[in-house]
C-alpha atoms as a PDB file:
ATOM      1  CA  MET A   1     120.252 -91.805  13.080  1.00  0.00           C
ATOM      2  CA  ARG A   2     122.140 -94.894  13.685  1.00  0.00           C
ATOM      3  CA  ILE A   3     125.406 -95.360  15.306  1.00  0.00           C
ATOM      4  CA  GLY A   4     127.199 -97.621  13.278  1.00  0.00           C
ATOM      5  CA  LEU A   5     125.935 -99.685  10.804  1.00  0.00           C
ATOM      6  CA  GLN A   6     126.377-103.546  12.274  1.00  0.00           C
ATOM      7  CA  ASP A   7     126.457-102.252  15.569  1.00  0.00           C
ATOM      8  CA  GLY A   8     122.588-100.232  14.357  1.00  0.00           C
ATOM      9  CA  VAL A   9     121.280-104.090  12.557  1.00  0.00           C
ATOM     10  CA  SER A  10     122.427-106.216  15.252  1.00  0.00           C
ATOM     11  CA  ARG A  11     120.565-104.376  17.686  1.00  0.00           C
ATOM     12  CA  ARG A  12     117.529-103.557  15.788  1.00  0.00           C
ATOM     13  CA  ASN A  13     117.049-107.434  14.785  1.00  0.00           C
ATOM     14  CA  LEU A  14     117.682-108.492  18.683  1.00  0.00           C
ATOM     15  CA  LEU A  15     114.429-106.095  19.909  1.00  0.00           C
ATOM     16  CA  ARG A  16     112.482-107.020  16.543  1.00  0.00           C
ATOM     17  CA  ALA A  17     112.936-110.598  18.246  1.00  0.00           C
ATOM     18  CA  SER A  18     112.302-110.162  21.520  1.00  0.00           C
ATOM     19  CA  LEU A  19     109.467-107.416  20.603  1.00  0.00           C
ATOM     20  CA  GLY A  20     107.791-110.127  18.008  1.00  0.00           C
ATOM     21  CA  GLY A  21     107.605-112.886  20.765  1.00  0.00           C
ATOM     22  CA  ALA A  22     105.950-110.731  23.018  1.00  0.00           C
ATOM     23  CA  ILE A  23     103.541-109.811  20.505  1.00  0.00           C
ATOM     24  CA  VAL A  24     102.052-113.070  19.951  1.00  0.00           C
ATOM     25  CA  ALA A  25     101.526-114.418  23.007  1.00  0.00           C
ATOM     26  CA  GLN A  26      99.690-111.461  23.940  1.00  0.00           C
ATOM     27  CA  ALA A  27      97.793-112.152  20.555  1.00  0.00           C
ATOM     28  CA  THR A  28      96.757-115.877  21.411  1.00  0.00           C
ATOM     29  CA  VAL A  29      95.877-114.647  25.415  1.00  0.00           C
ATOM     30  CA  SER A  30      91.766-114.144  23.584  1.00  0.00           C
ATOM     31  CA  ASP A  31      90.469-116.520  20.919  1.00  0.00           C
ATOM     32  CA  LYS A  32      88.805-113.077  20.263  1.00  0.00           C
ATOM     33  CA  SER A  33      90.317-110.255  17.824  1.00  0.00           C
ATOM     34  CA  ARG A  34      90.068-107.354  20.323  1.00  0.00           C
ATOM     35  CA  VAL A  35      88.811-103.619  18.596  1.00  0.00           C
ATOM     36  CA  VAL A  36      88.698-100.857  20.692  1.00  0.00           C
ATOM     37  CA  SER A  37      85.989 -98.038  19.336  1.00  0.00           C
ATOM     38  CA  ALA A  38      86.359 -94.887  20.979  1.00  0.00           C
ATOM     39  CA  ARG A  39      84.646 -91.359  20.132  1.00  0.00           C
ATOM     40  CA  ASP A  40      83.922 -88.178  21.368  1.00  0.00           C
ATOM     41  CA  PRO A  41      81.050 -86.138  20.167  1.00  0.00           C
ATOM     42  CA  ALA A  42      83.161 -83.102  21.587  1.00  0.00           C
ATOM     43  CA  LEU A  43      85.922 -83.438  19.846  1.00  0.00           C
ATOM     44  CA  ARG A  44      85.794 -80.222  16.988  1.00  0.00           C
ATOM     45  CA  GLY A  45      86.562 -77.060  17.895  1.00  0.00           C
ATOM     46  CA  ALA A  46      83.927 -73.735  17.107  1.00  0.00           C
ATOM     47  CA  GLY A  47      85.462 -73.352  13.702  1.00  0.00           C
ATOM     48  CA  GLY A  48      84.729 -77.519  12.777  1.00  0.00           C
ATOM     49  CA  SER A  49      87.906 -78.769  12.948  1.00  0.00           C
ATOM     50  CA  PRO A  50      89.164 -81.026  15.505  1.00  0.00           C
ATOM     51  CA  ASP A  51      90.650 -79.742  19.098  1.00  0.00           C
ATOM     52  CA  SER A  52      94.016 -80.934  19.803  1.00  0.00           C
ATOM     53  CA  SER A  53      93.244 -81.391  23.421  1.00  0.00           C
ATOM     54  CA  ARG A  54      90.506 -83.645  22.971  1.00  0.00           C
ATOM     55  CA  VAL A  55      92.550 -85.576  20.266  1.00  0.00           C
ATOM     56  CA  LEU A  56      95.314 -86.582  22.291  1.00  0.00           C
ATOM     57  CA  LYS A  57      92.673 -87.945  25.147  1.00  0.00           C
ATOM     58  CA  LEU A  58      90.336 -90.024  22.773  1.00  0.00           C
ATOM     59  CA  LEU A  59      93.871 -91.895  21.822  1.00  0.00           C
ATOM     60  CA  ASP A  60      94.895 -92.169  25.038  1.00  0.00           C
ATOM     61  CA  ARG A  61      91.696 -93.332  26.039  1.00  0.00           C
ATOM     62  CA  ALA A  62      91.657 -95.898  22.977  1.00  0.00           C
ATOM     63  CA  MET A  63      94.837 -96.818  23.574  1.00  0.00           C
ATOM     64  CA  GLN A  64      94.792 -97.555  27.070  1.00  0.00           C
ATOM     65  CA  SER A  65      91.458 -99.304  26.578  1.00  0.00           C
ATOM     66  CA  PHE A  66      93.608-101.463  23.920  1.00  0.00           C
ATOM     67  CA  TYR A  67      96.076-103.087  26.226  1.00  0.00           C
ATOM     68  CA  ALA A  68      94.179-102.938  29.234  1.00  0.00           C
ATOM     69  CA  ALA A  69      97.085-100.610  30.647  1.00  0.00           C
ATOM     70  CA  ASP A  70      97.257 -98.858  33.416  1.00  0.00           C
ATOM     71  CA  SER A  71      97.851 -95.188  31.749  1.00  0.00           C
ATOM     72  CA  PRO A  72      98.650 -94.763  28.001  1.00  0.00           C
ATOM     73  CA  LEU A  73     102.376 -94.505  28.209  1.00  0.00           C
ATOM     74  CA  GLY A  74     102.148 -97.786  29.569  1.00  0.00           C
ATOM     75  CA  ALA A  75     100.127 -99.066  26.120  1.00  0.00           C
ATOM     76  CA  TRP A  76     102.423 -97.197  24.110  1.00  0.00           C
ATOM     77  CA  LYS A  77     105.975 -99.452  25.699  1.00  0.00           C
ATOM     78  CA  LYS A  78     104.084-102.109  24.050  1.00  0.00           C
ATOM     79  CA  VAL A  79     104.022-100.627  20.789  1.00  0.00           C
ATOM     80  CA  ALA A  80     107.314 -99.783  20.213  1.00  0.00           C
ATOM     81  CA  ARG A  81     110.684-100.135  21.854  1.00  0.00           C
ATOM     82  CA  PRO A  82     113.299 -97.025  22.405  1.00  0.00           C
ATOM     83  CA  GLY A  83     116.081 -97.713  19.437  1.00  0.00           C
ATOM     84  CA  GLU A  84     113.401 -99.138  17.034  1.00  0.00           C
ATOM     85  CA  VAL A  85     112.193 -96.864  13.855  1.00  0.00           C
ATOM     86  CA  VAL A  86     108.093 -96.530  13.921  1.00  0.00           C
ATOM     87  CA  GLY A  87     106.830 -95.719  10.732  1.00  0.00           C
ATOM     88  CA  LEU A  88     103.287 -94.100  10.640  1.00  0.00           C
ATOM     89  CA  LYS A  89     101.852 -95.222   7.288  1.00  0.00           C
ATOM     90  CA  VAL A  90      98.958 -92.746   6.163  1.00  0.00           C
ATOM     91  CA  ASN A  91      96.459 -92.404   4.029  1.00  0.00           C
ATOM     92  CA  CYS A  92      96.890 -88.775   1.731  1.00  0.00           C
ATOM     93  CA  LEU A  93      95.255 -89.279  -1.659  1.00  0.00           C
ATOM     94  CA  SER A  94      92.648 -86.953  -0.845  1.00  0.00           C
ATOM     95  CA  GLY A  95      94.376 -83.705   0.409  1.00  0.00           C
ATOM     96  CA  ARG A  96      93.178 -82.620   3.454  1.00  0.00           C
ATOM     97  CA  GLY A  97      89.475 -83.488   3.141  1.00  0.00           C
ATOM     98  CA  ALA A  98      89.386 -87.524   3.773  1.00  0.00           C
ATOM     99  CA  SER A  99      93.406 -87.911   5.122  1.00  0.00           C
ATOM    100  CA  THR A 100      94.419 -89.325   7.730  1.00  0.00           C
ATOM    101  CA  SER A 101      94.587 -85.985  10.230  1.00  0.00           C
ATOM    102  CA  VAL A 102      98.174 -84.095  10.582  1.00  0.00           C
ATOM    103  CA  VAL A 103      96.342 -83.459  14.459  1.00  0.00           C
ATOM    104  CA  LEU A 104      95.689 -87.607  14.975  1.00  0.00           C
ATOM    105  CA  VAL A 105      99.726 -87.779  13.732  1.00  0.00           C
ATOM    106  CA  GLU A 106     101.345 -85.395  16.048  1.00  0.00           C
ATOM    107  CA  ALA A 107      99.378 -86.905  19.001  1.00  0.00           C
ATOM    108  CA  ILE A 108     100.969 -90.192  17.721  1.00  0.00           C
ATOM    109  CA  CYS A 109     104.340 -88.500  17.505  1.00  0.00           C
ATOM    110  CA  GLU A 110     103.966 -86.859  21.049  1.00  0.00           C
ATOM    111  CA  ARG A 111     103.168 -90.208  22.981  1.00  0.00           C
ATOM    112  CA  LEU A 112     105.598 -92.227  20.909  1.00  0.00           C
ATOM    113  CA  GLN A 113     108.507 -90.273  22.464  1.00  0.00           C
ATOM    114  CA  GLU A 114     107.180 -89.917  25.304  1.00  0.00           C
ATOM    115  CA  ALA A 115     107.072 -93.262  25.271  1.00  0.00           C
ATOM    116  CA  GLY A 116     111.208 -93.446  24.724  1.00  0.00           C
ATOM    117  CA  ILE A 117     111.163 -93.554  20.791  1.00  0.00           C
ATOM    118  CA  ARG A 118     113.674 -90.364  19.418  1.00  0.00           C
ATOM    119  CA  GLN A 119     111.946 -87.934  17.027  1.00  0.00           C
ATOM    120  CA  GLN A 120     114.490 -88.857  14.358  1.00  0.00           C
ATOM    121  CA  ASP A 121     113.673 -92.999  14.258  1.00  0.00           C
ATOM    122  CA  ILE A 122     109.591 -91.928  13.700  1.00  0.00           C
ATOM    123  CA  VAL A 123     109.072 -92.023   9.802  1.00  0.00           C
ATOM    124  CA  ILE A 124     105.659 -90.532   7.952  1.00  0.00           C
ATOM    125  CA  TRP A 125     105.249 -92.164   5.031  1.00  0.00           C
ATOM    126  CA  ASP A 126     103.024 -92.794   2.021  1.00  0.00           C
ATOM    127  CA  ARG A 127     103.530 -92.730  -1.918  1.00  0.00           C
ATOM    128  CA  LEU A 128     103.849 -89.802  -3.249  1.00  0.00           C
ATOM    129  CA  ASN A 129     105.674 -86.849  -1.668  1.00  0.00           C
ATOM    130  CA  SER A 130     102.870 -84.571  -3.195  1.00  0.00           C
ATOM    131  CA  ASP A 131      99.800 -86.445  -1.455  1.00  0.00           C
ATOM    132  CA  LEU A 132     101.261 -86.062   1.813  1.00  0.00           C
ATOM    133  CA  GLU A 133     101.787 -82.251   1.141  1.00  0.00           C
ATOM    134  CA  SER A 134      98.227 -82.051  -0.082  1.00  0.00           C
ATOM    135  CA  ALA A 135      96.993 -83.887   3.089  1.00  0.00           C
ATOM    136  CA  GLY A 136      99.202 -80.886   5.458  1.00  0.00           C
ATOM    137  CA  PHE A 137     102.510 -82.550   5.853  1.00  0.00           C
ATOM    138  CA  ARG A 138     105.769 -81.419   5.383  1.00  0.00           C
ATOM    139  CA  VAL A 139     107.886 -83.208   3.904  1.00  0.00           C
ATOM    140  CA  ALA A 140     110.904 -83.627   5.433  1.00  0.00           C
ATOM    141  CA  SER A 141     114.207 -85.887   4.752  1.00  0.00           C
ATOM    142  CA  ARG A 142     116.918 -84.665   7.594  1.00  0.00           C
ATOM    143  CA  LYS A 143     117.849 -87.831   9.582  1.00  0.00           C
ATOM    144  CA  ASP A 144     117.500 -85.499  12.889  1.00  0.00           C
ATOM    145  CA  ARG A 145     114.241 -85.415  13.105  1.00  0.00           C
ATOM    146  CA  ILE A 146     110.880 -86.427  12.194  1.00  0.00           C
ATOM    147  CA  ARG A 147     111.067 -87.643   8.792  1.00  0.00           C
ATOM    148  CA  ALA A 148     107.772 -87.465   6.052  1.00  0.00           C
ATOM    149  CA  ILE A 149     108.763 -88.976   3.198  1.00  0.00           C
ATOM    150  CA  GLY A 150     107.059 -90.399  -0.052  1.00  0.00           C
ATOM    151  CA  ASN A 151     108.130 -93.495  -1.456  1.00  0.00           C
ATOM    152  CA  ASP A 152     108.478 -91.306  -5.087  1.00  0.00           C
ATOM    153  CA  THR A 153     111.773 -90.015  -2.907  1.00  0.00           C
ATOM    154  CA  ALA A 154     112.327 -92.651  -1.091  1.00  0.00           C
ATOM    155  CA  GLY A 155     112.191 -95.909  -3.693  1.00  0.00           C
ATOM    156  CA  TYR A 156     111.384 -99.306  -4.125  1.00  0.00           C
ATOM    157  CA  GLY A 157     113.155-102.624  -3.397  1.00  0.00           C
ATOM    158  CA  GLY A 158     114.491-104.311  -6.536  1.00  0.00           C
ATOM    159  CA  GLU A 159     112.746-107.899  -5.201  1.00  0.00           C
ATOM    160  CA  LEU A 160     109.595-108.638  -6.485  1.00  0.00           C
ATOM    161  CA  ALA A 161     107.519-109.765  -3.915  1.00  0.00           C
ATOM    162  CA  VAL A 162     104.730-112.895  -5.037  1.00  0.00           C
ATOM    163  CA  TYR A 163     101.867-113.751  -2.891  1.00  0.00           C
ATOM    164  CA  GLY A 164      98.457-115.319  -4.861  1.00  0.00           C
ATOM    165  CA  SER A 165      97.341-113.166  -7.391  1.00  0.00           C
ATOM    166  CA  ALA A 166     100.183-110.484  -6.652  1.00  0.00           C
ATOM    167  CA  GLY A 167     103.709-109.510  -6.899  1.00  0.00           C
ATOM    168  CA  SER A 168     104.947-106.138  -6.209  1.00  0.00           C
ATOM    169  CA  LEU A 169     107.894-104.077  -5.745  1.00  0.00           C
ATOM    170  CA  LEU A 170     108.206-102.857  -1.458  1.00  0.00           C
ATOM    171  CA  SER A 171     108.723 -99.261  -0.273  1.00  0.00           C
ATOM    172  CA  ASN A 172     112.411 -99.013   0.727  1.00  0.00           C
ATOM    173  CA  THR A 173     110.950 -97.131   3.897  1.00  0.00           C
ATOM    174  CA  LEU A 174     109.142-100.281   4.555  1.00  0.00           C
ATOM    175  CA  THR A 175     111.589-102.639   4.627  1.00  0.00           C
ATOM    176  CA  LYS A 176     115.332-101.006   5.125  1.00  0.00           C
ATOM    177  CA  THR A 177     113.682 -98.182   6.761  1.00  0.00           C
ATOM    178  CA  CYS A 178     111.330 -98.908   9.335  1.00  0.00           C
ATOM    179  CA  ASP A 179     111.125-101.912  12.216  1.00  0.00           C
ATOM    180  CA  ALA A 180     107.425-101.584  13.192  1.00  0.00           C
ATOM    181  CA  VAL A 181     104.861 -99.905  11.128  1.00  0.00           C
ATOM    182  CA  ILE A 182     101.306 -98.231  12.843  1.00  0.00           C
ATOM    183  CA  ASN A 183      98.924 -98.024   9.964  1.00  0.00           C
ATOM    184  CA  LEU A 184      96.687 -94.949  10.324  1.00  0.00           C
ATOM    185  CA  PRO A 185      93.677 -95.394   7.525  1.00  0.00           C
ATOM    186  CA  VAL A 186      90.974 -93.141   7.126  1.00  0.00           C
ATOM    187  CA  LEU A 187      86.873 -94.863   7.369  1.00  0.00           C
ATOM    188  CA  LYS A 188      86.049 -94.490   4.021  1.00  0.00           C
ATOM    189  CA  ASP A 189      84.521 -95.875   1.248  1.00  0.00           C
ATOM    190  CA  HIS A 190      85.930 -96.734  -1.927  1.00  0.00           C
ATOM    191  CA  GLY A 191      84.269 -96.755  -5.384  1.00  0.00           C
ATOM    192  CA  ILE A 192      85.893 -99.743  -6.798  1.00  0.00           C
ATOM    193  CA  VAL A 193      86.840-101.965  -3.875  1.00  0.00           C
ATOM    194  CA  GLY A 194      84.115-101.288  -1.571  1.00  0.00           C
ATOM    195  CA  VAL A 195      86.266 -99.422   1.880  1.00  0.00           C
ATOM    196  CA  THR A 196      89.723 -98.544   2.133  1.00  0.00           C
ATOM    197  CA  LEU A 197      90.797 -99.428   5.576  1.00  0.00           C
ATOM    198  CA  ALA A 198      93.427-101.356   7.147  1.00  0.00           C
ATOM    199  CA  LEU A 199      94.361-103.695   4.448  1.00  0.00           C
ATOM    200  CA  LYS A 200      93.686-101.226   1.320  1.00  0.00           C
ATOM    201  CA  ASN A 201      95.708 -98.717   2.962  1.00  0.00           C
ATOM    202  CA  LEU A 202      99.109-100.884   2.861  1.00  0.00           C
ATOM    203  CA  PHE A 203      98.599-100.900  -1.268  1.00  0.00           C
ATOM    204  CA  GLY A 204     100.109 -97.426  -0.705  1.00  0.00           C
ATOM    205  CA  ALA A 205     103.469 -99.788  -0.079  1.00  0.00           C
ATOM    206  CA  ILE A 206     103.353-101.281  -3.266  1.00  0.00           C
ATOM    207  CA  HIS A 207     104.871 -99.789  -6.221  1.00  0.00           C
ATOM    208  CA  ASN A 208     102.108-101.158  -8.863  1.00  0.00           C
ATOM    209  CA  PRO A 209      98.243-100.744  -6.868  1.00  0.00           C
ATOM    210  CA  ASN A 210      96.658 -99.788 -10.147  1.00  0.00           C
ATOM    211  CA  LYS A 211      97.183-103.417 -11.303  1.00  0.00           C
ATOM    212  CA  TYR A 212      94.740-104.859  -7.927  1.00  0.00           C
ATOM    213  CA  HIS A 213      91.873-103.801  -8.047  1.00  0.00           C
ATOM    214  CA  MET A 214      89.450-105.881 -10.260  1.00  0.00           C
ATOM    215  CA  ASN A 215      86.931-107.703  -8.858  1.00  0.00           C
ATOM    216  CA  ALA A 216      87.033-104.973  -6.122  1.00  0.00           C
ATOM    217  CA  GLY A 217      90.120-106.085  -4.968  1.00  0.00           C
ATOM    218  CA  ASP A 218      89.923-109.096  -4.406  1.00  0.00           C
ATOM    219  CA  PRO A 219      91.649-111.323  -3.563  1.00  0.00           C
ATOM    220  CA  TYR A 220      94.903-109.292  -4.473  1.00  0.00           C
ATOM    221  CA  VAL A 221      93.986-106.630  -1.178  1.00  0.00           C
ATOM    222  CA  ALA A 222      94.505-109.880   0.939  1.00  0.00           C
ATOM    223  CA  ASP A 223      97.306-111.025  -1.282  1.00  0.00           C
ATOM    224  CA  VAL A 224      98.924-107.967  -0.289  1.00  0.00           C
ATOM    225  CA  ASN A 225      99.011-107.847   2.843  1.00  0.00           C
ATOM    226  CA  THR A 226      99.765-111.273   2.745  1.00  0.00           C
ATOM    227  CA  PHE A 227     103.489-110.109   1.778  1.00  0.00           C
ATOM    228  CA  PRO A 228     105.814-110.724   5.116  1.00  0.00           C
ATOM    229  CA  ALA A 229     107.458-107.651   5.039  1.00  0.00           C
ATOM    230  CA  ILE A 230     103.815-105.786   5.759  1.00  0.00           C
ATOM    231  CA  ARG A 231     102.591-108.764   7.744  1.00  0.00           C
ATOM    232  CA  GLN A 232     105.777-109.232   9.614  1.00  0.00           C
ATOM    233  CA  LYS A 233     105.683-105.128  10.652  1.00  0.00           C
ATOM    234  CA  VAL A 234     102.748-103.879  11.285  1.00  0.00           C
ATOM    235  CA  ARG A 235     102.151-104.244  14.399  1.00  0.00           C
ATOM    236  CA  LEU A 236      99.149-102.049  15.094  1.00  0.00           C
ATOM    237  CA  THR A 237      95.909-100.048  13.141  1.00  0.00           C
ATOM    238  CA  ILE A 238      94.749 -96.705  14.135  1.00  0.00           C
ATOM    239  CA  CYS A 239      91.976 -96.201  12.222  1.00  0.00           C
ATOM    240  CA  ASP A 240      90.917 -92.080  11.753  1.00  0.00           C
ATOM    241  CA  GLY A 241      87.088 -91.962  11.697  1.00  0.00           C
ATOM    242  CA  ILE A 242      87.183 -88.272  12.959  1.00  0.00           C
ATOM    243  CA  THR A 243      85.581 -87.327   9.526  1.00  0.00           C
ATOM    244  CA  ALA A 244      84.393 -90.609   7.368  1.00  0.00           C
ATOM    245  CA  GLN A 245      83.238 -90.596   4.174  1.00  0.00           C
ATOM    246  CA  TYR A 246      80.480 -93.522   3.269  1.00  0.00           C
ATOM    247  CA  GLU A 247      80.188 -92.905  -0.923  1.00  0.00           C
ATOM    248  CA  GLY A 248      82.164 -91.320  -3.186  1.00  0.00           C
ATOM    249  CA  GLY A 249      85.794 -92.492  -2.348  1.00  0.00           C
ATOM    250  CA  PRO A 250      88.681 -92.798  -2.338  1.00  0.00           C
ATOM    251  CA  SER A 251      88.715 -89.064  -3.619  1.00  0.00           C
ATOM    252  CA  TYR A 252      87.433 -86.209  -0.901  1.00  0.00           C
ATOM    253  CA  MET A 253      83.342 -85.554  -1.325  1.00  0.00           C
ATOM    254  CA  PRO A 254      81.994 -83.215   1.066  1.00  0.00           C
ATOM    255  CA  GLN A 255      78.356 -84.037   0.269  1.00  0.00           C
ATOM    256  CA  TRP A 256      78.946 -88.288   1.425  1.00  0.00           C
ATOM    257  CA  SER A 257      81.066 -87.414   4.461  1.00  0.00           C
ATOM    258  CA  TRP A 258      80.533 -86.550   8.257  1.00  0.00           C
ATOM    259  CA  PRO A 259      82.159 -86.076  11.485  1.00  0.00           C
ATOM    260  CA  PHE A 260      81.740 -89.432  13.068  1.00  0.00           C
ATOM    261  CA  ASN A 261      84.567 -88.023  15.724  1.00  0.00           C
ATOM    262  CA  SER A 262      85.421 -91.395  16.458  1.00  0.00           C
ATOM    263  CA  LEU A 263      89.335 -93.528  16.183  1.00  0.00           C
ATOM    264  CA  LEU A 264      89.059 -97.239  15.666  1.00  0.00           C
ATOM    265  CA  ILE A 265      92.099 -99.809  17.286  1.00  0.00           C
ATOM    266  CA  ALA A 266      92.724-103.274  16.580  1.00  0.00           C
ATOM    267  CA  ARG A 267      96.272-104.879  15.769  1.00  0.00           C
ATOM    268  CA  ASP A 268      94.018-107.522  13.534  1.00  0.00           C
ATOM    269  CA  PRO A 269      93.043-106.015  10.214  1.00  0.00           C
ATOM    270  CA  VAL A 270      90.539-108.143   9.446  1.00  0.00           C
ATOM    271  CA  ALA A 271      88.796-107.737  12.404  1.00  0.00           C
ATOM    272  CA  LEU A 272      89.616-104.093  12.112  1.00  0.00           C
ATOM    273  CA  ASP A 273      87.885-103.563   8.114  1.00  0.00           C
ATOM    274  CA  HIS A 274      84.822-105.918   9.296  1.00  0.00           C
ATOM    275  CA  THR A 275      84.062-103.333  11.655  1.00  0.00           C
ATOM    276  CA  GLY A 276      84.997-100.340   9.593  1.00  0.00           C
ATOM    277  CA  TRP A 277      82.629-101.224   6.965  1.00  0.00           C
ATOM    278  CA  GLN A 278      79.406-102.364   8.863  1.00  0.00           C
ATOM    279  CA  ILE A 279      79.853 -98.829  10.425  1.00  0.00           C
ATOM    280  CA  LEU A 280      80.067 -97.410   6.690  1.00  0.00           C
ATOM    281  CA  GLU A 281      77.146-100.069   5.720  1.00  0.00           C
ATOM    282  CA  ARG A 282      74.750 -98.872   8.747  1.00  0.00           C
ATOM    283  CA  LYS A 283      75.440 -94.949   7.655  1.00  0.00           C
ATOM    284  CA  ARG A 284      74.640 -95.824   3.647  1.00  0.00           C
ATOM    285  CA  GLU A 285      71.406 -97.153   5.061  1.00  0.00           C
ATOM    286  CA  GLN A 286      70.623 -94.405   7.631  1.00  0.00           C
ATOM    287  CA  MET A 287      71.580 -92.272   4.008  1.00  0.00           C
ATOM    288  CA  GLY A 288      69.279 -93.653   1.910  1.00  0.00           C
ATOM    289  CA  ILE A 289      71.932 -95.013  -0.218  1.00  0.00           C
ATOM    290  CA  LYS A 290      72.152 -98.988  -1.730  1.00  0.00           C
ATOM    291  CA  ALA A 291      74.253-101.533   0.235  1.00  0.00           C
ATOM    292  CA  LEU A 292      77.469-102.276  -1.741  1.00  0.00           C
ATOM    293  CA  ARG A 293      76.812-105.832  -2.121  1.00  0.00           C
ATOM    294  CA  GLU A 294      73.889-104.017  -4.519  1.00  0.00           C
ATOM    295  CA  LEU A 295      76.430-101.977  -6.196  1.00  0.00           C
ATOM    296  CA  HIS A 296      79.399-105.284  -6.709  1.00  0.00           C
ATOM    297  CA  ARG A 297      81.413-103.386  -4.778  1.00  0.00           C
ATOM    298  CA  GLU A 298      81.516-105.542  -1.804  1.00  0.00           C
ATOM    299  CA  PRO A 299      84.683-106.202  -0.332  1.00  0.00           C
ATOM    300  CA  LEU A 300      85.029-109.537  -0.424  1.00  0.00           C
ATOM    301  CA  TYR A 301      88.755-109.621   0.128  1.00  0.00           C
ATOM    302  CA  ILE A 302      88.297-109.046   3.762  1.00  0.00           C
ATOM    303  CA  ALA A 303      86.856-112.273   4.108  1.00  0.00           C
ATOM    304  CA  THR A 304      89.502-113.745   1.642  1.00  0.00           C
ATOM    305  CA  ALA A 305      92.036-112.484   4.354  1.00  0.00           C
ATOM    306  CA  ALA A 306      90.899-114.310   7.005  1.00  0.00           C
ATOM    307  CA  ASP A 307      90.733-118.124   5.141  1.00  0.00           C
ATOM    308  CA  ALA A 308      92.457-120.189   5.206  1.00  0.00           C
ATOM    309  CA  SER A 309      95.504-119.269   2.983  1.00  0.00           C
ATOM    310  CA  HIS A 310      96.102-115.817   4.800  1.00  0.00           C
ATOM    311  CA  ARG A 311      95.184-116.159   8.177  1.00  0.00           C
ATOM    312  CA  LEU A 312      95.723-111.889   8.361  1.00  0.00           C
ATOM    313  CA  GLY A 313      92.446-112.158  10.831  1.00  0.00           C
ATOM    314  CA  THR A 314      88.921-112.768  11.706  1.00  0.00           C
ATOM    315  CA  ASN A 315      86.071-111.372  10.053  1.00  0.00           C
ATOM    316  CA  ASP A 316      83.553-113.645  12.117  1.00  0.00           C
ATOM    317  CA  PRO A 317      81.702-111.007  14.720  1.00  0.00           C
ATOM    318  CA  LYS A 318      81.587-114.029  17.058  1.00  0.00           C
ATOM    319  CA  ARG A 319      84.673-113.795  17.143  1.00  0.00           C
ATOM    320  CA  ILE A 320      85.690-109.903  17.246  1.00  0.00           C
ATOM    321  CA  ASP A 321      85.813-108.666  20.699  1.00  0.00           C
ATOM    322  CA  LEU A 322      84.239-104.907  19.650  1.00  0.00           C
ATOM    323  CA  VAL A 323      85.004-102.271  22.695  1.00  0.00           C
ATOM    324  CA  GLU A 324      83.512 -99.160  22.703  1.00  0.00           C
ATOM    325  CA  VAL A 325      84.996 -96.186  24.973  1.00  0.00           C
END
């Protein structure tokens, strides 16, 4: 994967420093956090499965709009640079029904390679190999091609990351392999913490997520996302709303799922989570189901993530620039 360990490390550090500066500059151009919502009502083929060509076009439209780029390729070149290793953090807990779409991941891999990221520098990852396989990904660890690997194989580091009420070992894929991470959650309900979107999906980077579901995940979800490795390496969130679920999550419950045929894109995970949460609440109201607050699982960790201690983004609708394309 790399030519010479020391040369690779030096090159990666330089890239990280230069690109990190560009990202900070971009984020501060406006005082609003941009969230792009892209939908295609005709996204699915005759059999009900997402049409790969339409998914690619939807992704292109969303990315080009989010980065205000002249072309989709121009947008992807702002995410990562050749020579960097890009991790795709999928959500595969629920099997094929409510996991990150394989078709979407294939489209992202295609565009990353066109932007100059070598296939051996793309890593699809989640907690367990079995979860990846259940969602339709083929586990692969060879370093001369796109990899798909669970933390149960890649392992966790030996040093505890600590912030607030959270202390965890972090995935080696996150800390040692990847220079940049694209977060790929699913737009869905969570029976304990309310919703599982950008912030909650990073529980897949720690060894002990079972410890942090108390009090509907507050402040634990925010604390975990404040770990430096997560905060520094996650560059973009593309939330898969192709099939969304408004109740019964995180397991797949087809009776509470619907074809939303949508993608949400943001660099601010708090703004994305607030936006996605409101989409799910509106659907719940439409279907005659109680609001999450009434069920004592309102995702208050979203507001915590925006507070002065965490500063992970904004949950203020007046500071969220929601663009629908």
